[in-house]
All heavy atoms as atom14 arrays in JSON, in Angstrom:
{
  "sequence": "EEVIHVNKAQSVLFFGALSWLLLFIFGSEAETHQRVMEGLQENI",
  "atom14_mask": [
    [1, 1, 1, 1, 1, 1, 1, 1, 1, 0, 0, 0, 0, 0],
    [1, 1, 1, 1, 1, 1, 1, 1, 1, 0, 0, 0, 0, 0],
    [1, 1, 1, 1, 1, 1, 1, 0, 0, 0, 0, 0, 0, 0],
    [1, 1, 1, 1, 1, 1, 1, 1, 0, 0, 0, 0, 0, 0],
    [1, 1, 1, 1, 1, 1, 1, 1, 1, 1, 0, 0, 0, 0],
    [1, 1, 1, 1, 1, 1, 1, 0, 0, 0, 0, 0, 0, 0],
    [1, 1, 1, 1, 1, 1, 1, 1, 0, 0, 0, 0, 0, 0],
    [1, 1, 1, 1, 1, 1, 1, 1, 1, 0, 0, 0, 0, 0],
    [1, 1, 1, 1, 1, 0, 0, 0, 0, 0, 0, 0, 0, 0],
    [1, 1, 1, 1, 1, 1, 1, 1, 1, 0, 0, 0, 0, 0],
    [1, 1, 1, 1, 1, 1, 0, 0, 0, 0, 0, 0, 0, 0],
    [1, 1, 1, 1, 1, 1, 1, 0, 0, 0, 0, 0, 0, 0],
    [1, 1, 1, 1, 1, 1, 1, 1, 0, 0, 0, 0, 0, 0],
    [1, 1, 1, 1, 1, 1, 1, 1, 1, 1, 1, 0, 0, 0],
    [1, 1, 1, 1, 1, 1, 1, 1, 1, 1, 1, 0, 0, 0],
    [1, 1, 1, 1, 0, 0, 0, 0, 0, 0, 0, 0, 0, 0],
    [1, 1, 1, 1, 1, 0, 0, 0, 0, 0, 0, 0, 0, 0],
    [1, 1, 1, 1, 1, 1, 1, 1, 0, 0, 0, 0, 0, 0],
    [1, 1, 1, 1, 1, 1, 0, 0, 0, 0, 0, 0, 0, 0],
    [1, 1, 1, 1, 1, 1, 1, 1, 1, 1, 1, 1, 1, 1],
    [1, 1, 1, 1, 1, 1, 1, 1, 0, 0, 0, 0, 0, 0],
    [1, 1, 1, 1, 1, 1, 1, 1, 0, 0, 0, 0, 0, 0],
    [1, 1, 1, 1, 1, 1, 1, 1, 0, 0, 0, 0, 0, 0],
    [1, 1, 1, 1, 1, 1, 1, 1, 1, 1, 1, 0, 0, 0],
    [1, 1, 1, 1, 1, 1, 1, 1, 0, 0, 0, 0, 0, 0],
    [1, 1, 1, 1, 1, 1, 1, 1, 1, 1, 1, 0, 0, 0],
    [1, 1, 1, 1, 0, 0, 0, 0, 0, 0, 0, 0, 0, 0],
    [1, 1, 1, 1, 1, 1, 0, 0, 0, 0, 0, 0, 0, 0],
    [1, 1, 1, 1, 1, 1, 1, 1, 1, 0, 0, 0, 0, 0],
    [1, 1, 1, 1, 1, 0, 0, 0, 0, 0, 0, 0, 0, 0],
    [1, 1, 1, 1, 1, 1, 1, 1, 1, 0, 0, 0, 0, 0],
    [1, 1, 1, 1, 1, 1, 1, 0, 0, 0, 0, 0, 0, 0],
    [1, 1, 1, 1, 1, 1, 1, 1, 1, 1, 0, 0, 0, 0],
    [1, 1, 1, 1, 1, 1, 1, 1, 1, 0, 0, 0, 0, 0],
    [1, 1, 1, 1, 1, 1, 1, 1, 1, 1, 1, 0, 0, 0],
    [1, 1, 1, 1, 1, 1, 1, 0, 0, 0, 0, 0, 0, 0],
    [1, 1, 1, 1, 1, 1, 1, 1, 0, 0, 0, 0, 0, 0],
    [1, 1, 1, 1, 1, 1, 1, 1, 1, 0, 0, 0, 0, 0],
    [1, 1, 1, 1, 0, 0, 0, 0, 0, 0, 0, 0, 0, 0],
    [1, 1, 1, 1, 1, 1, 1, 1, 0, 0, 0, 0, 0, 0],
    [1, 1, 1, 1, 1, 1, 1, 1, 1, 0, 0, 0, 0, 0],
    [1, 1, 1, 1, 1, 1, 1, 1, 1, 0, 0, 0, 0, 0],
    [1, 1, 1, 1, 1, 1, 1, 1, 0, 0, 0, 0, 0, 0],
    [1, 1, 1, 1, 1, 1, 1, 1, 0, 0, 0, 0, 0, 0]
  ],
  "atom14_positions": [
    [[0.83, -1.23, 0.01], [0.02, 0.0, -0.02], [0.84, 1.26, 0.01], [0.56, 2.2, -0.73], [-0.95, -0.01, 1.19], [-1.81, 1.23, 1.29], [-2.63, 1.3, 2.59], [-2.29, 0.52, 3.51], [-3.59, 2.06, 2.64], [0.0, 0.0, 0.0], [0.0, 0.0, 0.0], [0.0, 0.0, 0.0], [0.0, 0.0, 0.0], [0.0, 0.0, 0.0]],
    [[1.92, 1.27, 0.79], [2.75, 2.45, 0.9], [3.62, 2.67, -0.36], [4.13, 3.78, -0.56], [3.66, 2.35, 2.14], [2.89, 2.3, 3.44], [3.79, 2.12, 4.64], [4.91, 1.64, 4.5], [3.39, 2.5, 5.74], [0.0, 0.0, 0.0], [0.0, 0.0, 0.0], [0.0, 0.0, 0.0], [0.0, 0.0, 0.0], [0.0, 0.0, 0.0]],
    [[3.77, 1.63, -1.15], [4.55, 1.74, -2.38], [3.68, 2.18, -3.57], [4.03, 3.09, -4.36], [5.22, 0.4, -2.72], [6.0, 0.48, -4.03], [6.14, -0.03, -1.57], [0.0, 0.0, 0.0], [0.0, 0.0, 0.0], [0.0, 0.0, 0.0], [0.0, 0.0, 0.0], [0.0, 0.0, 0.0], [0.0, 0.0, 0.0], [0.0, 0.0, 0.0]],
    [[2.48, 1.57, -3.71], [1.62, 1.85, -4.86], [0.71, 3.04, -4.58], [0.06, 3.54, -5.51], [0.76, 0.63, -5.24], [-0.17, 0.23, -4.08], [1.65, -0.52, -5.6], [-1.1, -0.96, -4.38], [0.0, 0.0, 0.0], [0.0, 0.0, 0.0], [0.0, 0.0, 0.0], [0.0, 0.0, 0.0], [0.0, 0.0, 0.0], [0.0, 0.0, 0.0]],
    [[0.61, 3.47, -3.31], [-0.18, 4.64, -2.92], [-1.64, 4.5, -3.34], [-2.29, 5.43, -3.8], [0.4, 5.92, -3.54], [1.85, 6.18, -3.1], [2.18, 6.48, -1.81], [2.99, 6.15, -3.84], [3.5, 6.66, -1.73], [4.0, 6.48, -2.97], [0.0, 0.0, 0.0], [0.0, 0.0, 0.0], [0.0, 0.0, 0.0], [0.0, 0.0, 0.0]],
    [[-2.16, 3.31, -3.16], [-3.57, 3.02, -3.4], [-4.14, 2.5, -2.06], [-3.6, 1.54, -1.51], [-3.82, 2.03, -4.5], [-5.32, 1.73, -4.69], [-3.24, 2.53, -5.84], [0.0, 0.0, 0.0], [0.0, 0.0, 0.0], [0.0, 0.0, 0.0], [0.0, 0.0, 0.0], [0.0, 0.0, 0.0], [0.0, 0.0, 0.0], [0.0, 0.0, 0.0]],
    [[-5.18, 3.13, -1.57], [-5.82, 2.7, -0.33], [-6.16, 1.22, -0.38], [-6.74, 0.74, -1.34], [-7.07, 3.54, -0.03], [-7.7, 3.21, 1.3], [-8.32, 2.19, 1.46], [-7.48, 4.1, 2.26], [0.0, 0.0, 0.0], [0.0, 0.0, 0.0], [0.0, 0.0, 0.0], [0.0, 0.0, 0.0], [0.0, 0.0, 0.0], [0.0, 0.0, 0.0]],
    [[-5.8, 0.47, 0.68], [-5.98, -0.98, 0.69], [-7.48, -1.36, 0.59], [-7.81, -2.38, -0.01], [-5.42, -1.61, 1.94], [-5.92, -0.99, 3.26], [-5.2, -1.57, 4.46], [-5.55, -0.83, 5.73], [-4.95, 0.51, 5.75], [0.0, 0.0, 0.0], [0.0, 0.0, 0.0], [0.0, 0.0, 0.0], [0.0, 0.0, 0.0], [0.0, 0.0, 0.0]],
    [[-8.35, -0.5, 1.13], [-9.79, -0.78, 1.0], [-10.23, -0.74, -0.46], [-11.04, -1.55, -0.95], [-10.59, 0.19, 1.86], [0.0, 0.0, 0.0], [0.0, 0.0, 0.0], [0.0, 0.0, 0.0], [0.0, 0.0, 0.0], [0.0, 0.0, 0.0], [0.0, 0.0, 0.0], [0.0, 0.0, 0.0], [0.0, 0.0, 0.0], [0.0, 0.0, 0.0]],
    [[-9.71, 0.25, -1.2], [-10.08, 0.4, -2.62], [-9.59, -0.77, -3.43], [-10.32, -1.3, -4.29], [-9.5, 1.71, -3.16], [-10.02, 2.92, -2.47], [-9.29, 4.21, -2.89], [-8.29, 4.14, -3.62], [-9.77, 5.35, -2.4], [0.0, 0.0, 0.0], [0.0, 0.0, 0.0], [0.0, 0.0, 0.0], [0.0, 0.0, 0.0], [0.0, 0.0, 0.0]],
    [[-8.34, -1.21, -3.21], [-7.77, -2.26, -4.02], [-8.42, -3.62, -3.74], [-8.77, -4.33, -4.71], [-6.28, -2.37, -3.78], [-5.96, -2.52, -2.4], [0.0, 0.0, 0.0], [0.0, 0.0, 0.0], [0.0, 0.0, 0.0], [0.0, 0.0, 0.0], [0.0, 0.0, 0.0], [0.0, 0.0, 0.0], [0.0, 0.0, 0.0], [0.0, 0.0, 0.0]],
    [[-8.6, -3.99, -2.49], [-9.19, -5.32, -2.22], [-10.67, -5.36, -2.6], [-11.19, -6.39, -3.0], [-9.01, -5.73, -0.74], [-7.55, -5.9, -0.37], [-9.66, -4.75, 0.23], [0.0, 0.0, 0.0], [0.0, 0.0, 0.0], [0.0, 0.0, 0.0], [0.0, 0.0, 0.0], [0.0, 0.0, 0.0], [0.0, 0.0, 0.0], [0.0, 0.0, 0.0]],
    [[-11.31, -4.2, -2.51], [-12.74, -4.17, -2.96], [-12.84, -4.4, -4.44], [-13.72, -5.14, -4.9], [-13.33, -2.81, -2.59], [-14.82, -2.59, -2.9], [-15.66, -3.62, -2.1], [-15.25, -1.21, -2.58], [0.0, 0.0, 0.0], [0.0, 0.0, 0.0], [0.0, 0.0, 0.0], [0.0, 0.0, 0.0], [0.0, 0.0, 0.0], [0.0, 0.0, 0.0]],
    [[-11.88, -3.84, -5.19], [-11.88, -4.08, -6.65], [-11.64, -5.54, -6.97], [-12.38, -6.12, -7.78], [-10.78, -3.23, -7.32], [-10.51, -3.56, -8.75], [-11.39, -3.17, -9.74], [-9.38, -4.3, -9.08], [-11.14, -3.48, -11.08], [-9.14, -4.62, -10.42], [-10.0, -4.24, -11.39], [0.0, 0.0, 0.0], [0.0, 0.0, 0.0], [0.0, 0.0, 0.0]],
    [[-10.63, -6.15, -6.38], [-10.31, -7.54, -6.68], [-11.46, -8.48, -6.18], [-11.74, -9.5, -6.82], [-8.97, -7.91, -6.01], [-7.76, -7.27, -6.67], [-6.97, -6.42, -5.98], [-7.47, -7.58, -7.98], [-5.85, -5.84, -6.58], [-6.37, -6.97, -8.61], [-5.57, -6.13, -7.93], [0.0, 0.0, 0.0], [0.0, 0.0, 0.0], [0.0, 0.0, 0.0]],
    [[-12.03, -8.13, -5.04], [-13.11, -8.98, -4.53], [-14.34, -8.95, -5.42], [-14.91, -9.99, -5.71], [0.0, 0.0, 0.0], [0.0, 0.0, 0.0], [0.0, 0.0, 0.0], [0.0, 0.0, 0.0], [0.0, 0.0, 0.0], [0.0, 0.0, 0.0], [0.0, 0.0, 0.0], [0.0, 0.0, 0.0], [0.0, 0.0, 0.0], [0.0, 0.0, 0.0]],
    [[-14.74, -7.75, -5.83], [-15.9, -7.62, -6.75], [-15.62, -8.27, -8.1], [-16.5, -8.95, -8.66], [-16.25, -6.13, -6.92], [0.0, 0.0, 0.0], [0.0, 0.0, 0.0], [0.0, 0.0, 0.0], [0.0, 0.0, 0.0], [0.0, 0.0, 0.0], [0.0, 0.0, 0.0], [0.0, 0.0, 0.0], [0.0, 0.0, 0.0], [0.0, 0.0, 0.0]],
    [[-14.42, -8.05, -8.6], [-14.04, -8.65, -9.9], [-14.13, -10.19, -9.85], [-14.53, -10.81, -10.83], [-12.64, -8.18, -10.32], [-12.14, -8.72, -11.64], [-13.06, -8.33, -12.84], [-10.71, -8.19, -11.9], [0.0, 0.0, 0.0], [0.0, 0.0, 0.0], [0.0, 0.0, 0.0], [0.0, 0.0, 0.0], [0.0, 0.0, 0.0], [0.0, 0.0, 0.0]],
    [[-13.7, -10.77, -8.75], [-13.7, -12.21, -8.63], [-15.11, -12.78, -8.78], [-15.32, -13.77, -9.5], [-13.14, -12.62, -7.23], [-11.77, -12.26, -7.11], [0.0, 0.0, 0.0], [0.0, 0.0, 0.0], [0.0, 0.0, 0.0], [0.0, 0.0, 0.0], [0.0, 0.0, 0.0], [0.0, 0.0, 0.0], [0.0, 0.0, 0.0], [0.0, 0.0, 0.0]],
    [[-16.1, -12.16, -8.14], [-17.47, -12.62, -8.23], [-18.06, -12.32, -9.62], [-18.86, -13.13, -10.11], [-18.34, -11.98, -7.14], [-18.15, -12.67, -5.83], [-17.37, -12.3, -4.77], [-18.75, -13.92, -5.43], [-17.45, -13.19, -3.77], [-18.31, -14.21, -4.14], [-19.64, -14.81, -6.02], [-18.72, -15.37, -3.44], [-20.06, -15.93, -5.37], [-19.59, -16.21, -4.06]],
    [[-17.68, -11.25, -10.22], [-18.16, -10.95, -11.61], [-17.68, -12.05, -12.53], [-18.49, -12.52, -13.38], [-17.61, -9.6, -12.08], [-18.27, -8.35, -11.45], [-17.52, -7.09, -11.91], [-19.74, -8.25, -11.83], [0.0, 0.0, 0.0], [0.0, 0.0, 0.0], [0.0, 0.0, 0.0], [0.0, 0.0, 0.0], [0.0, 0.0, 0.0], [0.0, 0.0, 0.0]],
    [[-16.46, -12.5, -12.4], [-15.93, -13.55, -13.23], [-16.64, -14.89, -12.98], [-16.86, -15.66, -13.91], [-14.41, -13.71, -13.03], [-13.56, -12.53, -13.51], [-12.11, -12.75, -13.12], [-13.7, -12.34, -15.01], [0.0, 0.0, 0.0], [0.0, 0.0, 0.0], [0.0, 0.0, 0.0], [0.0, 0.0, 0.0], [0.0, 0.0, 0.0], [0.0, 0.0, 0.0]],
    [[-16.96, -15.14, -11.71], [-17.7, -16.35, -11.38], [-19.06, -16.43, -12.12], [-19.48, -17.47, -12.6], [-17.92, -16.46, -9.9], [-16.76, -16.99, -9.06], [-17.02, -16.77, -7.57], [-16.49, -18.46, -9.35], [0.0, 0.0, 0.0], [0.0, 0.0, 0.0], [0.0, 0.0, 0.0], [0.0, 0.0, 0.0], [0.0, 0.0, 0.0], [0.0, 0.0, 0.0]],
    [[-19.72, -15.28, -12.19], [-21.01, -15.24, -12.87], [-20.83, -15.29, -14.41], [-21.6, -15.97, -15.08], [-21.79, -13.96, -12.51], [-22.56, -14.1, -11.23], [-22.03, -13.64, -10.05], [-23.8, -14.66, -11.24], [-22.74, -13.74, -8.86], [-24.55, -14.79, -10.02], [-24.01, -14.33, -8.83], [0.0, 0.0, 0.0], [0.0, 0.0, 0.0], [0.0, 0.0, 0.0]],
    [[-19.86, -14.63, -14.91], [-19.61, -14.59, -16.37], [-19.26, -15.98, -16.92], [-19.82, -16.44, -17.93], [-18.5, -13.59, -16.74], [-19.01, -12.16, -16.46], [-18.11, -13.73, -18.23], [-17.94, -11.12, -16.61], [0.0, 0.0, 0.0], [0.0, 0.0, 0.0], [0.0, 0.0, 0.0], [0.0, 0.0, 0.0], [0.0, 0.0, 0.0], [0.0, 0.0, 0.0]],
    [[-18.38, -16.67, -16.15], [-17.97, -18.0, -16.64], [-18.82, -19.16, -16.09], [-18.59, -20.33, -16.45], [-16.51, -18.25, -16.27], [-15.55, -17.43, -17.04], [-15.06, -16.2, -16.53], [-15.1, -17.82, -18.3], [-14.18, -15.46, -17.25], [-14.2, -17.04, -19.04], [-13.74, -15.83, -18.5], [0.0, 0.0, 0.0], [0.0, 0.0, 0.0], [0.0, 0.0, 0.0]],
    [[-19.79, -18.84, -15.29], [-20.69, -19.86, -14.74], [-22.09, -19.68, -15.29], [-23.04, -19.59, -14.53], [0.0, 0.0, 0.0], [0.0, 0.0, 0.0], [0.0, 0.0, 0.0], [0.0, 0.0, 0.0], [0.0, 0.0, 0.0], [0.0, 0.0, 0.0], [0.0, 0.0, 0.0], [0.0, 0.0, 0.0], [0.0, 0.0, 0.0], [0.0, 0.0, 0.0]],
    [[-22.22, -19.55, -16.54], [-23.52, -19.25, -17.18], [-24.46, -20.46, -17.26], [-25.65, -20.25, -17.45], [-23.26, -18.7, -18.59], [-22.49, -19.61, -19.39], [0.0, 0.0, 0.0], [0.0, 0.0, 0.0], [0.0, 0.0, 0.0], [0.0, 0.0, 0.0], [0.0, 0.0, 0.0], [0.0, 0.0, 0.0], [0.0, 0.0, 0.0], [0.0, 0.0, 0.0]],
    [[-23.92, -21.68, -17.1], [-24.8, -22.82, -17.09], [-25.79, -22.7, -15.92], [-25.5, -22.2, -14.87], [-24.0, -24.11, -16.94], [-23.03, -24.38, -18.08], [-21.69, -23.74, -17.81], [-21.58, -23.0, -16.82], [-20.76, -23.87, -18.63], [0.0, 0.0, 0.0], [0.0, 0.0, 0.0], [0.0, 0.0, 0.0], [0.0, 0.0, 0.0], [0.0, 0.0, 0.0]],
    [[-27.0, -23.22, -16.16], [-28.1, -22.98, -15.18], [-27.73, -23.5, -13.78], [-27.9, -22.83, -12.79], [-29.37, -23.7, -15.71], [0.0, 0.0, 0.0], [0.0, 0.0, 0.0], [0.0, 0.0, 0.0], [0.0, 0.0, 0.0], [0.0, 0.0, 0.0], [0.0, 0.0, 0.0], [0.0, 0.0, 0.0], [0.0, 0.0, 0.0], [0.0, 0.0, 0.0]],
    [[-27.2, -24.75, -13.73], [-26.87, -25.33, -12.44], [-25.74, -24.56, -11.74], [-25.8, -24.23, -10.57], [-26.47, -26.8, -12.59], [-26.19, -27.51, -11.29], [-25.86, -28.97, -11.47], [-26.12, -29.46, -12.61], [-25.36, -29.61, -10.54], [0.0, 0.0, 0.0], [0.0, 0.0, 0.0], [0.0, 0.0, 0.0], [0.0, 0.0, 0.0], [0.0, 0.0, 0.0]],
    [[-24.73, -24.25, -12.5], [-23.57, -23.52, -11.98], [-23.97, -22.08, -11.56], [-23.58, -21.6, -10.5], [-22.42, -23.42, -13.0], [-22.09, -24.73, -13.43], [-21.22, -22.72, -12.45], [0.0, 0.0, 0.0], [0.0, 0.0, 0.0], [0.0, 0.0, 0.0], [0.0, 0.0, 0.0], [0.0, 0.0, 0.0], [0.0, 0.0, 0.0], [0.0, 0.0, 0.0]],
    [[-24.79, -21.44, -12.39], [-25.29, -20.08, -12.07], [-26.06, -20.08, -10.76], [-25.85, -19.16, -9.94], [-26.13, -19.6, -13.21], [-26.7, -18.18, -12.96], [-25.97, -17.04, -13.24], [-27.9, -17.8, -12.43], [-26.71, -16.02, -12.91], [-27.87, -16.42, -12.44], [0.0, 0.0, 0.0], [0.0, 0.0, 0.0], [0.0, 0.0, 0.0], [0.0, 0.0, 0.0]],
    [[-26.88, -21.06, -10.53], [-27.66, -21.12, -9.33], [-26.74, -21.32, -8.09], [-26.95, -20.69, -7.05], [-28.68, -22.28, -9.42], [-29.57, -22.43, -8.18], [-30.44, -21.2, -7.91], [-30.8, -20.47, -8.84], [-30.8, -21.0, -6.68], [0.0, 0.0, 0.0], [0.0, 0.0, 0.0], [0.0, 0.0, 0.0], [0.0, 0.0, 0.0], [0.0, 0.0, 0.0]],
    [[-25.73, -22.18, -8.24], [-24.81, -22.4, -7.15], [-24.01, -21.17, -6.84], [-23.82, -20.81, -5.63], [-23.85, -23.56, -7.52], [-22.86, -23.91, -6.44], [-22.17, -25.24, -6.74], [-21.54, -25.22, -8.03], [-20.3, -24.69, -8.26], [-19.64, -24.13, -7.27], [-19.8, -24.73, -9.48], [0.0, 0.0, 0.0], [0.0, 0.0, 0.0], [0.0, 0.0, 0.0]],
    [[-23.57, -20.39, -7.81], [-22.84, -19.21, -7.62], [-23.73, -18.13, -6.98], [-23.33, -17.4, -6.07], [-22.26, -18.65, -8.94], [-21.62, -17.29, -8.74], [-21.19, -19.63, -9.49], [0.0, 0.0, 0.0], [0.0, 0.0, 0.0], [0.0, 0.0, 0.0], [0.0, 0.0, 0.0], [0.0, 0.0, 0.0], [0.0, 0.0, 0.0], [0.0, 0.0, 0.0]],
    [[-24.99, -18.07, -7.45], [-25.93, -17.14, -6.83], [-26.12, -17.39, -5.37], [-26.13, -16.47, -4.52], [-27.28, -17.18, -7.6], [-28.34, -16.25, -7.04], [-27.86, -14.49, -7.26], [-28.19, -14.31, -9.04], [0.0, 0.0, 0.0], [0.0, 0.0, 0.0], [0.0, 0.0, 0.0], [0.0, 0.0, 0.0], [0.0, 0.0, 0.0], [0.0, 0.0, 0.0]],
    [[-26.32, -18.65, -5.03], [-26.5, -19.02, -3.59], [-25.26, -18.72, -2.78], [-25.33, -18.29, -1.64], [-26.85, -20.51, -3.5], [-28.24, -20.84, -4.04], [-28.53, -22.33, -4.06], [-27.55, -23.1, -3.72], [-29.64, -22.75, -4.45], [0.0, 0.0, 0.0], [0.0, 0.0, 0.0], [0.0, 0.0, 0.0], [0.0, 0.0, 0.0], [0.0, 0.0, 0.0]],
    [[-24.1, -18.95, -3.44], [-22.83, -18.63, -2.73], [-22.67, -17.16, -2.47], [-22.21, -16.78, -1.38], [0.0, 0.0, 0.0], [0.0, 0.0, 0.0], [0.0, 0.0, 0.0], [0.0, 0.0, 0.0], [0.0, 0.0, 0.0], [0.0, 0.0, 0.0], [0.0, 0.0, 0.0], [0.0, 0.0, 0.0], [0.0, 0.0, 0.0], [0.0, 0.0, 0.0]],
    [[-23.06, -16.32, -3.45], [-22.94, -14.88, -3.26], [-23.91, -14.42, -2.18], [-23.55, -13.57, -1.34], [-23.27, -14.17, -4.58], [-23.25, -12.64, -4.51], [-21.87, -12.12, -4.18], [-23.71, -12.05, -5.84], [0.0, 0.0, 0.0], [0.0, 0.0, 0.0], [0.0, 0.0, 0.0], [0.0, 0.0, 0.0], [0.0, 0.0, 0.0], [0.0, 0.0, 0.0]],
    [[-25.13, -14.94, -2.18], [-26.12, -14.54, -1.15], [-25.63, -14.91, 0.25], [-25.81, -14.12, 1.18], [-27.44, -15.19, -1.47], [-28.14, -14.63, -2.71], [-29.41, -15.42, -3.07], [-29.66, -16.51, -2.59], [-30.2, -14.85, -3.99], [0.0, 0.0, 0.0], [0.0, 0.0, 0.0], [0.0, 0.0, 0.0], [0.0, 0.0, 0.0], [0.0, 0.0, 0.0]],
    [[-25.03, -16.07, 0.36], [-24.44, -16.48, 1.63], [-23.3, -15.58, 2.02], [-23.2, -15.13, 3.19], [-23.98, -17.94, 1.57], [-23.36, -18.42, 2.84], [-22.84, -19.83, 2.73], [-23.03, -20.5, 1.67], [-22.21, -20.33, 3.7], [0.0, 0.0, 0.0], [0.0, 0.0, 0.0], [0.0, 0.0, 0.0], [0.0, 0.0, 0.0], [0.0, 0.0, 0.0]],
    [[-22.46, -15.23, 1.08], [-21.31, -14.36, 1.33], [-21.76, -12.94, 1.75], [-21.27, -12.39, 2.7], [-20.4, -14.3, 0.09], [-19.04, -13.75, 0.36], [-18.39, -13.19, -0.53], [-18.51, -13.88, 1.55], [0.0, 0.0, 0.0], [0.0, 0.0, 0.0], [0.0, 0.0, 0.0], [0.0, 0.0, 0.0], [0.0, 0.0, 0.0], [0.0, 0.0, 0.0]],
    [[-22.72, -12.43, 1.01], [-23.28, -11.08, 1.3], [-23.93, -11.09, 2.69], [-23.83, -10.09, 3.46], [-24.25, -10.63, 0.22], [-23.54, -10.39, -1.1], [-25.0, -9.37, 0.63], [-22.51, -9.28, -1.07], [0.0, 0.0, 0.0], [0.0, 0.0, 0.0], [0.0, 0.0, 0.0], [0.0, 0.0, 0.0], [0.0, 0.0, 0.0], [0.0, 0.0, 0.0]]
  ]
}
């Protein structure tokens, strides 16, 4: 954080949100999509 001068909250929030976006994009099959949706709801 002190080297890149980016607030740690901003950076981990970006990587965390991006991870779930990718899970939905690459999990488009009905069964997989439902499992990812349930996982996100549990996480949230």
